[in-house]
Amino acid sequence: LAPSPWFADAIKGIPFESLFHVIPPDQGGLFETFGRPSNEIIIEYTLSEEFVYIFLISSRKFEVKKVTIDKTLVQDIFNLRDNLDFRHVPEYNYQDFMEYQITAFKLYSKLIQPVASSLEEKKVIIIPDEELNYLSFESLVKDIILSDTIVFRNLPYFIKTNPISYAPSATIFAMI
């Protein structure tokens, strides 16, 4: 996982609040200036070697979370993708099913849980960074369900509580 050197250099020693001009809700709010509905929220990610910065932007909130990660984050993304590969279906077993849940929950815990309280009844627009572009956030689960059979439809997927869409960048999203 390579850090974004331009971003790391740009923010060194600068308070996050000074990086953005946020329009307060009583002056129209951030999303209203883009003509977006107030029930939408953007989650934008920036990866570095040790942290993922989670920018949460809505008509009423601007928040930045700094979450410690390790080198397994990127490997977990690719393990989850491999686990769901359709070519793997004929030999799929219960251990694979549990590994899927454990990995999907681990990724949810790092990438969504830190901002989950702000996502209630919101349409989520995800702007991934680097290897996060390979992750299907819809496949993340909020909990691990023990069962004696492999039943994917009963899992507590993130998408069951929040519609999810993606944008390549906040700039592009603002132009849509």
N, C-alpha and C. Protein backbone atom coordinates (compact mmCIF):
# COMPACT_ATOMS: atom_id res chain seq x y z
N LEU A 1 0.85 -1.19 0.00
CA LEU A 1 0.00 0.00 0.00
C LEU A 1 0.88 1.23 0.00
N ALA A 2 0.85 1.96 -1.07
CA ALA A 2 1.67 3.17 -1.16
C ALA A 2 0.85 4.39 -0.73
N PRO A 3 1.44 5.25 0.08
CA PRO A 3 0.71 6.45 0.48
C PRO A 3 0.59 7.41 -0.69
N SER A 4 -0.35 8.32 -0.59
CA SER A 4 -0.46 9.39 -1.57
C SER A 4 0.49 10.49 -1.12
N PRO A 5 1.72 10.56 -1.66
CA PRO A 5 2.71 11.50 -1.15
C PRO A 5 2.25 12.95 -1.23
N TRP A 6 1.57 13.32 -2.31
CA TRP A 6 1.12 14.71 -2.43
C TRP A 6 0.15 15.06 -1.32
N PHE A 7 -0.72 14.11 -0.96
CA PHE A 7 -1.70 14.38 0.08
C PHE A 7 -1.02 14.45 1.44
N ALA A 8 -0.15 13.49 1.71
CA ALA A 8 0.54 13.47 3.00
C ALA A 8 1.37 14.75 3.20
N ASP A 9 2.06 15.18 2.15
CA ASP A 9 2.84 16.42 2.25
C ASP A 9 1.94 17.63 2.42
N ALA A 10 0.82 17.60 1.72
CA ALA A 10 -0.08 18.76 1.74
C ALA A 10 -0.72 18.97 3.11
N ILE A 11 -0.97 17.89 3.85
CA ILE A 11 -1.69 18.04 5.12
C ILE A 11 -0.80 18.02 6.35
N LYS A 12 0.49 17.81 6.16
CA LYS A 12 1.40 17.73 7.29
C LYS A 12 1.29 18.99 8.16
N GLY A 13 0.87 18.82 9.40
CA GLY A 13 0.82 19.92 10.35
C GLY A 13 -0.33 20.90 10.13
N ILE A 14 -1.23 20.60 9.21
CA ILE A 14 -2.35 21.50 8.95
C ILE A 14 -3.62 20.90 9.56
N PRO A 15 -4.36 21.67 10.35
CA PRO A 15 -5.63 21.15 10.86
C PRO A 15 -6.59 20.89 9.70
N PHE A 16 -7.30 19.77 9.75
CA PHE A 16 -8.21 19.42 8.67
C PHE A 16 -9.22 20.52 8.38
N GLU A 17 -9.68 21.22 9.43
CA GLU A 17 -10.70 22.25 9.24
C GLU A 17 -10.22 23.34 8.27
N SER A 18 -8.91 23.56 8.20
CA SER A 18 -8.41 24.61 7.33
C SER A 18 -8.27 24.15 5.88
N LEU A 19 -8.48 22.86 5.61
CA LEU A 19 -8.34 22.35 4.25
C LEU A 19 -9.59 22.56 3.42
N PHE A 20 -10.72 22.81 4.06
CA PHE A 20 -11.98 22.86 3.35
C PHE A 20 -12.78 24.08 3.74
N HIS A 21 -13.56 24.56 2.80
CA HIS A 21 -14.51 25.62 3.10
C HIS A 21 -15.88 24.95 3.17
N VAL A 22 -16.44 24.85 4.35
CA VAL A 22 -17.71 24.18 4.55
C VAL A 22 -18.78 25.23 4.76
N ILE A 23 -19.86 25.10 4.02
CA ILE A 23 -20.97 26.04 4.16
C ILE A 23 -21.90 25.51 5.25
N PRO A 24 -22.13 26.26 6.31
CA PRO A 24 -22.99 25.80 7.41
C PRO A 24 -24.42 25.53 6.94
N PRO A 25 -25.14 24.61 7.62
CA PRO A 25 -26.51 24.28 7.23
C PRO A 25 -27.42 25.50 7.18
N ASP A 26 -27.23 26.46 8.08
CA ASP A 26 -28.12 27.62 8.08
C ASP A 26 -27.86 28.56 6.90
N GLN A 27 -26.81 28.28 6.12
CA GLN A 27 -26.52 29.06 4.92
C GLN A 27 -26.69 28.20 3.67
N GLY A 28 -27.46 27.17 3.79
CA GLY A 28 -27.73 26.32 2.63
C GLY A 28 -27.11 24.95 2.72
N GLY A 29 -26.06 24.80 3.50
CA GLY A 29 -25.43 23.50 3.64
C GLY A 29 -24.57 23.14 2.45
N LEU A 30 -23.66 22.23 2.64
CA LEU A 30 -22.70 21.85 1.61
C LEU A 30 -23.38 21.21 0.41
N PHE A 31 -24.24 20.22 0.63
CA PHE A 31 -24.86 19.51 -0.48
C PHE A 31 -25.82 20.39 -1.26
N GLU A 32 -26.55 21.28 -0.55
CA GLU A 32 -27.47 22.13 -1.28
C GLU A 32 -26.75 22.98 -2.32
N THR A 33 -25.50 23.33 -2.04
CA THR A 33 -24.75 24.12 -3.02
C THR A 33 -24.46 23.30 -4.27
N PHE A 34 -24.43 21.98 -4.15
CA PHE A 34 -24.25 21.11 -5.30
C PHE A 34 -25.60 20.72 -5.90
N GLY A 35 -26.69 21.14 -5.28
CA GLY A 35 -28.02 20.74 -5.73
C GLY A 35 -28.34 19.30 -5.41
N ARG A 36 -27.73 18.73 -4.37
CA ARG A 36 -27.95 17.33 -4.00
C ARG A 36 -28.96 17.24 -2.88
N PRO A 37 -29.72 16.16 -2.81
CA PRO A 37 -30.68 15.97 -1.71
C PRO A 37 -29.98 15.86 -0.35
N SER A 38 -30.67 16.28 0.68
CA SER A 38 -30.08 16.27 2.02
C SER A 38 -30.02 14.86 2.61
N ASN A 39 -30.68 13.88 1.97
CA ASN A 39 -30.61 12.51 2.49
C ASN A 39 -29.42 11.73 1.93
N GLU A 40 -28.51 12.42 1.25
CA GLU A 40 -27.30 11.80 0.73
C GLU A 40 -26.11 12.18 1.61
N ILE A 41 -25.16 11.27 1.68
CA ILE A 41 -23.93 11.53 2.43
C ILE A 41 -22.76 10.95 1.64
N ILE A 42 -21.68 11.69 1.58
CA ILE A 42 -20.48 11.23 0.88
C ILE A 42 -19.50 10.68 1.91
N ILE A 43 -18.94 9.54 1.58
CA ILE A 43 -17.80 9.01 2.34
C ILE A 43 -16.63 8.95 1.36
N GLU A 44 -15.65 9.79 1.59
CA GLU A 44 -14.47 9.78 0.74
C GLU A 44 -13.29 9.26 1.54
N TYR A 45 -12.53 8.36 0.93
CA TYR A 45 -11.40 7.71 1.60
C TYR A 45 -10.08 8.17 1.00
N THR A 46 -9.08 8.30 1.86
CA THR A 46 -7.70 8.50 1.44
C THR A 46 -6.84 7.53 2.24
N LEU A 47 -6.10 6.69 1.52
CA LEU A 47 -5.25 5.69 2.16
C LEU A 47 -3.82 6.20 2.31
N SER A 48 -3.23 5.85 3.44
CA SER A 48 -1.79 6.00 3.61
C SER A 48 -1.29 4.65 4.11
N GLU A 49 -0.02 4.52 4.41
CA GLU A 49 0.50 3.24 4.85
C GLU A 49 -0.07 2.80 6.19
N GLU A 50 -0.29 3.75 7.10
CA GLU A 50 -0.73 3.41 8.46
C GLU A 50 -2.16 3.80 8.78
N PHE A 51 -2.77 4.64 7.93
CA PHE A 51 -4.10 5.15 8.26
C PHE A 51 -4.99 5.17 7.03
N VAL A 52 -6.29 5.15 7.30
CA VAL A 52 -7.26 5.52 6.29
C VAL A 52 -7.97 6.75 6.84
N TYR A 53 -8.00 7.81 6.03
CA TYR A 53 -8.71 9.02 6.40
C TYR A 53 -10.09 8.92 5.79
N ILE A 54 -11.11 9.07 6.62
CA ILE A 54 -12.49 8.96 6.17
C ILE A 54 -13.11 10.35 6.27
N PHE A 55 -13.43 10.92 5.11
CA PHE A 55 -14.08 12.23 5.06
C PHE A 55 -15.57 11.99 4.91
N LEU A 56 -16.34 12.50 5.82
CA LEU A 56 -17.79 12.35 5.82
C LEU A 56 -18.38 13.72 5.52
N ILE A 57 -19.13 13.83 4.43
CA ILE A 57 -19.66 15.12 3.99
C ILE A 57 -21.15 14.98 3.73
N SER A 58 -21.93 15.81 4.40
CA SER A 58 -23.37 15.87 4.15
C SER A 58 -23.81 17.31 4.22
N SER A 59 -25.10 17.54 4.07
CA SER A 59 -25.61 18.90 4.12
C SER A 59 -25.50 19.48 5.53
N ARG A 60 -25.34 18.63 6.53
CA ARG A 60 -25.28 19.11 7.90
C ARG A 60 -23.99 18.77 8.63
N LYS A 61 -23.11 18.08 7.97
CA LYS A 61 -21.93 17.60 8.69
C LYS A 61 -20.71 17.51 7.79
N PHE A 62 -19.59 17.87 8.36
CA PHE A 62 -18.29 17.58 7.76
C PHE A 62 -17.43 17.02 8.88
N GLU A 63 -16.93 15.85 8.65
CA GLU A 63 -16.18 15.18 9.70
C GLU A 63 -15.04 14.41 9.05
N VAL A 64 -13.93 14.31 9.76
CA VAL A 64 -12.79 13.52 9.29
C VAL A 64 -12.43 12.54 10.39
N LYS A 65 -12.34 11.28 10.03
CA LYS A 65 -11.90 10.24 10.96
C LYS A 65 -10.57 9.70 10.46
N LYS A 66 -9.68 9.47 11.38
CA LYS A 66 -8.38 8.87 11.07
C LYS A 66 -8.36 7.51 11.74
N VAL A 67 -8.34 6.46 10.93
CA VAL A 67 -8.43 5.10 11.43
C VAL A 67 -7.11 4.38 11.15
N THR A 68 -6.55 3.78 12.18
CA THR A 68 -5.31 3.03 12.03
C THR A 68 -5.59 1.74 11.26
N ILE A 69 -4.74 1.48 10.30
CA ILE A 69 -4.84 0.23 9.53
C ILE A 69 -3.48 -0.45 9.54
N ASP A 70 -3.48 -1.69 9.10
CA ASP A 70 -2.21 -2.38 8.93
C ASP A 70 -2.14 -2.91 7.51
N LYS A 71 -1.09 -3.60 7.21
CA LYS A 71 -0.88 -4.07 5.84
C LYS A 71 -1.89 -5.13 5.41
N THR A 72 -2.68 -5.65 6.34
CA THR A 72 -3.65 -6.67 5.97
C THR A 72 -4.89 -6.09 5.29
N LEU A 73 -5.12 -4.79 5.38
CA LEU A 73 -6.31 -4.19 4.78
C LEU A 73 -6.39 -4.48 3.28
N VAL A 74 -5.33 -4.20 2.58
CA VAL A 74 -5.33 -4.44 1.13
C VAL A 74 -5.44 -5.92 0.83
N GLN A 75 -4.76 -6.74 1.59
CA GLN A 75 -4.86 -8.19 1.37
C GLN A 75 -6.29 -8.67 1.63
N ASP A 76 -6.95 -8.11 2.64
CA ASP A 76 -8.34 -8.48 2.92
C ASP A 76 -9.27 -8.12 1.76
N ILE A 77 -9.02 -6.99 1.13
CA ILE A 77 -9.84 -6.60 -0.02
C ILE A 77 -9.74 -7.65 -1.12
N PHE A 78 -8.53 -8.07 -1.43
CA PHE A 78 -8.34 -9.05 -2.50
C PHE A 78 -8.79 -10.45 -2.07
N ASN A 79 -8.65 -10.78 -0.79
CA ASN A 79 -9.16 -12.07 -0.30
C ASN A 79 -10.69 -12.13 -0.43
N LEU A 80 -11.35 -11.02 -0.11
CA LEU A 80 -12.81 -10.98 -0.23
C LEU A 80 -13.23 -11.15 -1.68
N ARG A 81 -12.55 -10.47 -2.58
CA ARG A 81 -12.86 -10.61 -4.01
C ARG A 81 -12.64 -12.05 -4.49
N ASP A 82 -11.54 -12.65 -4.06
CA ASP A 82 -11.25 -14.03 -4.47
C ASP A 82 -12.30 -14.99 -3.91
N ASN A 83 -12.73 -14.73 -2.68
CA ASN A 83 -13.71 -15.60 -2.05
C ASN A 83 -15.03 -15.58 -2.82
N LEU A 84 -15.37 -14.47 -3.42
CA LEU A 84 -16.64 -14.34 -4.14
C LEU A 84 -16.53 -14.63 -5.64
N ASP A 85 -15.40 -15.09 -6.08
CA ASP A 85 -15.19 -15.40 -7.49
C ASP A 85 -16.09 -16.58 -7.89
N PHE A 86 -16.91 -16.37 -8.92
CA PHE A 86 -17.86 -17.40 -9.34
C PHE A 86 -17.19 -18.68 -9.80
N ARG A 87 -15.97 -18.60 -10.25
CA ARG A 87 -15.26 -19.82 -10.65
C ARG A 87 -14.99 -20.73 -9.45
N HIS A 88 -15.15 -20.19 -8.28
CA HIS A 88 -14.87 -20.88 -7.02
C HIS A 88 -16.12 -21.60 -6.48
N VAL A 89 -17.28 -21.35 -7.05
CA VAL A 89 -18.55 -21.84 -6.53
C VAL A 89 -18.63 -23.37 -6.40
N PRO A 90 -18.21 -24.16 -7.37
CA PRO A 90 -18.37 -25.62 -7.24
C PRO A 90 -17.71 -26.21 -5.99
N GLU A 91 -16.60 -25.64 -5.56
CA GLU A 91 -15.92 -26.21 -4.39
C GLU A 91 -16.12 -25.36 -3.13
N TYR A 92 -17.05 -24.40 -3.18
CA TYR A 92 -17.30 -23.51 -2.04
C TYR A 92 -17.80 -24.34 -0.85
N ASN A 93 -17.26 -24.07 0.34
CA ASN A 93 -17.66 -24.84 1.52
C ASN A 93 -17.94 -23.92 2.70
N TYR A 94 -18.30 -24.50 3.82
CA TYR A 94 -18.66 -23.72 5.00
C TYR A 94 -17.49 -22.87 5.50
N GLN A 95 -16.29 -23.38 5.44
CA GLN A 95 -15.12 -22.61 5.86
C GLN A 95 -14.97 -21.36 4.99
N ASP A 96 -15.18 -21.50 3.68
CA ASP A 96 -15.13 -20.35 2.78
C ASP A 96 -16.19 -19.32 3.16
N PHE A 97 -17.38 -19.81 3.49
CA PHE A 97 -18.49 -18.94 3.89
C PHE A 97 -18.14 -18.16 5.15
N MET A 98 -17.56 -18.82 6.13
CA MET A 98 -17.18 -18.14 7.38
C MET A 98 -16.01 -17.18 7.13
N GLU A 99 -15.05 -17.56 6.30
CA GLU A 99 -13.94 -16.66 5.96
C GLU A 99 -14.46 -15.41 5.27
N TYR A 100 -15.46 -15.59 4.39
CA TYR A 100 -16.08 -14.43 3.75
C TYR A 100 -16.66 -13.49 4.80
N GLN A 101 -17.44 -14.02 5.72
CA GLN A 101 -18.06 -13.19 6.75
C GLN A 101 -17.03 -12.48 7.62
N ILE A 102 -16.01 -13.19 8.03
CA ILE A 102 -14.98 -12.61 8.90
C ILE A 102 -14.26 -11.47 8.18
N THR A 103 -13.90 -11.69 6.93
CA THR A 103 -13.20 -10.66 6.17
C THR A 103 -14.12 -9.47 5.88
N ALA A 104 -15.36 -9.73 5.47
CA ALA A 104 -16.31 -8.66 5.17
C ALA A 104 -16.62 -7.84 6.42
N PHE A 105 -16.70 -8.48 7.56
CA PHE A 105 -16.95 -7.77 8.81
C PHE A 105 -15.72 -6.96 9.24
N LYS A 106 -14.55 -7.53 9.07
CA LYS A 106 -13.31 -6.82 9.41
C LYS A 106 -13.18 -5.53 8.59
N LEU A 107 -13.47 -5.62 7.29
CA LEU A 107 -13.42 -4.43 6.43
C LEU A 107 -14.51 -3.43 6.81
N TYR A 108 -15.70 -3.90 7.12
CA TYR A 108 -16.77 -3.02 7.58
C TYR A 108 -16.34 -2.28 8.85
N SER A 109 -15.73 -3.00 9.77
CA SER A 109 -15.29 -2.40 11.04
C SER A 109 -14.27 -1.28 10.84
N LYS A 110 -13.41 -1.43 9.86
CA LYS A 110 -12.39 -0.41 9.61
C LYS A 110 -12.91 0.74 8.75
N LEU A 111 -13.76 0.43 7.78
CA LEU A 111 -14.11 1.43 6.76
C LEU A 111 -15.48 2.10 6.96
N ILE A 112 -16.41 1.42 7.59
CA ILE A 112 -17.76 1.97 7.73
C ILE A 112 -18.12 2.24 9.18
N GLN A 113 -17.81 1.33 10.07
CA GLN A 113 -18.18 1.46 11.48
C GLN A 113 -17.77 2.80 12.11
N PRO A 114 -16.60 3.35 11.80
CA PRO A 114 -16.22 4.63 12.42
C PRO A 114 -17.18 5.78 12.11
N VAL A 115 -17.96 5.67 11.04
CA VAL A 115 -18.92 6.73 10.68
C VAL A 115 -20.35 6.23 10.63
N ALA A 116 -20.59 5.01 11.06
CA ALA A 116 -21.91 4.38 10.93
C ALA A 116 -23.04 5.17 11.57
N SER A 117 -22.78 5.83 12.69
CA SER A 117 -23.86 6.56 13.37
C SER A 117 -24.37 7.74 12.53
N SER A 118 -23.60 8.19 11.58
CA SER A 118 -24.01 9.30 10.71
C SER A 118 -24.73 8.83 9.45
N LEU A 119 -24.84 7.53 9.25
CA LEU A 119 -25.37 6.99 8.00
C LEU A 119 -26.83 6.58 8.05
N GLU A 120 -27.47 6.69 9.19
CA GLU A 120 -28.86 6.23 9.33
C GLU A 120 -29.77 6.95 8.33
N GLU A 121 -30.52 6.15 7.58
CA GLU A 121 -31.49 6.64 6.60
C GLU A 121 -30.86 7.53 5.54
N LYS A 122 -29.62 7.25 5.18
CA LYS A 122 -28.92 8.05 4.18
C LYS A 122 -28.55 7.18 2.98
N LYS A 123 -28.60 7.80 1.81
CA LYS A 123 -28.03 7.20 0.62
C LYS A 123 -26.54 7.52 0.68
N VAL A 124 -25.70 6.52 0.56
CA VAL A 124 -24.26 6.67 0.73
C VAL A 124 -23.58 6.72 -0.63
N ILE A 125 -22.79 7.76 -0.84
CA ILE A 125 -21.98 7.89 -2.03
C ILE A 125 -20.53 7.66 -1.60
N ILE A 126 -19.93 6.62 -2.13
CA ILE A 126 -18.57 6.25 -1.73
C ILE A 126 -17.59 6.72 -2.79
N ILE A 127 -16.55 7.40 -2.33
CA ILE A 127 -15.45 7.83 -3.20
C ILE A 127 -14.21 7.11 -2.68
N PRO A 128 -13.90 5.97 -3.31
CA PRO A 128 -12.77 5.17 -2.82
C PRO A 128 -11.43 5.71 -3.29
N ASP A 129 -10.39 5.25 -2.65
CA ASP A 129 -9.02 5.65 -2.99
C ASP A 129 -8.19 4.38 -3.20
N GLU A 130 -7.32 4.43 -4.16
CA GLU A 130 -6.36 3.36 -4.43
C GLU A 130 -7.02 1.98 -4.44
N GLU A 131 -6.55 1.05 -3.62
CA GLU A 131 -7.05 -0.32 -3.65
C GLU A 131 -8.52 -0.42 -3.21
N LEU A 132 -9.04 0.57 -2.54
CA LEU A 132 -10.46 0.54 -2.15
C LEU A 132 -11.37 0.53 -3.38
N ASN A 133 -10.84 0.93 -4.53
CA ASN A 133 -11.61 0.86 -5.77
C ASN A 133 -11.95 -0.58 -6.15
N TYR A 134 -11.22 -1.54 -5.62
CA TYR A 134 -11.48 -2.95 -5.92
C TYR A 134 -12.51 -3.57 -4.99
N LEU A 135 -12.96 -2.83 -3.99
CA LEU A 135 -13.86 -3.36 -2.98
C LEU A 135 -15.31 -3.05 -3.31
N SER A 136 -16.14 -4.06 -3.26
CA SER A 136 -17.58 -3.89 -3.38
C SER A 136 -18.11 -3.64 -1.97
N PHE A 137 -18.36 -2.38 -1.64
CA PHE A 137 -18.82 -2.04 -0.29
C PHE A 137 -20.17 -2.68 0.03
N GLU A 138 -20.95 -2.99 -1.01
CA GLU A 138 -22.23 -3.67 -0.80
C GLU A 138 -22.05 -5.04 -0.16
N SER A 139 -20.91 -5.65 -0.37
CA SER A 139 -20.68 -7.01 0.15
C SER A 139 -20.22 -7.03 1.60
N LEU A 140 -19.99 -5.86 2.20
CA LEU A 140 -19.56 -5.82 3.60
C LEU A 140 -20.72 -6.16 4.52
N VAL A 141 -20.42 -6.84 5.62
CA VAL A 141 -21.46 -7.22 6.57
C VAL A 141 -21.23 -6.56 7.92
N LYS A 142 -22.35 -6.26 8.59
CA LYS A 142 -22.30 -5.56 9.88
C LYS A 142 -22.06 -6.48 11.06
N ASP A 143 -22.15 -7.78 10.83
CA ASP A 143 -21.99 -8.75 11.90
C ASP A 143 -21.69 -10.11 11.28
N ILE A 144 -21.22 -11.01 12.10
CA ILE A 144 -20.96 -12.39 11.66
C ILE A 144 -22.10 -13.24 12.18
N ILE A 145 -22.72 -13.99 11.28
CA ILE A 145 -23.87 -14.84 11.63
C ILE A 145 -23.42 -16.30 11.61
N LEU A 146 -23.53 -16.95 12.75
CA LEU A 146 -23.22 -18.38 12.80
C LEU A 146 -24.45 -19.17 12.35
N SER A 147 -24.21 -20.09 11.46
CA SER A 147 -25.31 -20.94 11.00
C SER A 147 -24.71 -22.28 10.58
N ASP A 148 -25.55 -23.24 10.42
CA ASP A 148 -25.04 -24.55 10.03
C ASP A 148 -25.12 -24.77 8.52
N THR A 149 -25.60 -23.74 7.80
CA THR A 149 -25.67 -23.84 6.35
C THR A 149 -25.11 -22.56 5.73
N ILE A 150 -24.84 -22.64 4.46
CA ILE A 150 -24.35 -21.49 3.71
C ILE A 150 -25.56 -20.77 3.11
N VAL A 151 -25.92 -19.64 3.72
CA VAL A 151 -27.07 -18.87 3.24
C VAL A 151 -26.66 -17.39 3.19
N PHE A 152 -26.25 -16.94 2.02
CA PHE A 152 -25.79 -15.56 1.87
C PHE A 152 -26.91 -14.55 2.06
N ARG A 153 -28.14 -14.90 1.66
CA ARG A 153 -29.22 -13.91 1.70
C ARG A 153 -29.57 -13.46 3.11
N ASN A 154 -29.22 -14.23 4.13
CA ASN A 154 -29.56 -13.86 5.51
C ASN A 154 -28.50 -13.01 6.19
N LEU A 155 -27.43 -12.71 5.50
CA LEU A 155 -26.36 -11.94 6.12
C LEU A 155 -26.75 -10.46 6.24
N PRO A 156 -26.25 -9.77 7.27
CA PRO A 156 -26.58 -8.35 7.49
C PRO A 156 -25.69 -7.42 6.65
N TYR A 157 -25.95 -7.40 5.35
CA TYR A 157 -25.14 -6.60 4.44
C TYR A 157 -25.35 -5.11 4.69
N PHE A 158 -24.31 -4.35 4.48
CA PHE A 158 -24.35 -2.89 4.58
C PHE A 158 -25.43 -2.32 3.65
N ILE A 159 -25.55 -2.89 2.47
CA ILE A 159 -26.51 -2.37 1.49
C ILE A 159 -27.96 -2.58 1.92
N LYS A 160 -28.22 -3.47 2.84
CA LYS A 160 -29.60 -3.66 3.32
C LYS A 160 -30.11 -2.47 4.12
N THR A 161 -29.20 -1.66 4.64
CA THR A 161 -29.62 -0.49 5.42
C THR A 161 -29.34 0.83 4.71
N ASN A 162 -28.48 0.81 3.72
CA ASN A 162 -28.11 2.04 3.03
C ASN A 162 -27.93 1.80 1.54
N PRO A 163 -28.69 2.51 0.70
CA PRO A 163 -28.39 2.44 -0.74
C PRO A 163 -26.98 2.99 -0.96
N ILE A 164 -26.24 2.38 -1.87
CA ILE A 164 -24.85 2.75 -2.08
C ILE A 164 -24.62 3.06 -3.55
N SER A 165 -23.91 4.14 -3.79
CA SER A 165 -23.43 4.42 -5.14
C SER A 165 -21.99 4.91 -5.02
N TYR A 166 -21.35 5.06 -6.17
CA TYR A 166 -19.94 5.40 -6.18
C TYR A 166 -19.70 6.61 -7.07
N ALA A 167 -18.64 7.33 -6.75
CA ALA A 167 -18.18 8.43 -7.60
C ALA A 167 -16.66 8.35 -7.64
N PRO A 168 -16.07 8.73 -8.78
CA PRO A 168 -14.61 8.66 -8.87
C PRO A 168 -13.90 9.73 -8.05
N SER A 169 -14.57 10.87 -7.83
CA SER A 169 -13.99 11.94 -7.03
C SER A 169 -15.09 12.89 -6.62
N ALA A 170 -14.84 13.70 -5.59
CA ALA A 170 -15.82 14.69 -5.15
C ALA A 170 -16.03 15.75 -6.23
N THR A 171 -15.00 16.08 -6.95
CA THR A 171 -15.11 17.07 -8.02
C THR A 171 -16.06 16.58 -9.12
N ILE A 172 -15.87 15.35 -9.56
CA ILE A 172 -16.75 14.77 -10.57
C ILE A 172 -18.17 14.65 -10.03
N PHE A 173 -18.30 14.21 -8.80
CA PHE A 173 -19.62 14.07 -8.19
C PHE A 173 -20.36 15.41 -8.15
N ALA A 174 -19.66 16.49 -7.84
CA ALA A 174 -20.28 17.81 -7.77
C ALA A 174 -20.78 18.27 -9.15
N MET A 175 -20.16 17.75 -10.21
CA MET A 175 -20.57 18.15 -11.57
C MET A 175 -21.74 17.34 -12.09
N ILE A 176 -22.05 16.23 -11.44
CA ILE A 176 -23.14 15.35 -11.90
C ILE A 176 -24.47 16.00 -11.64
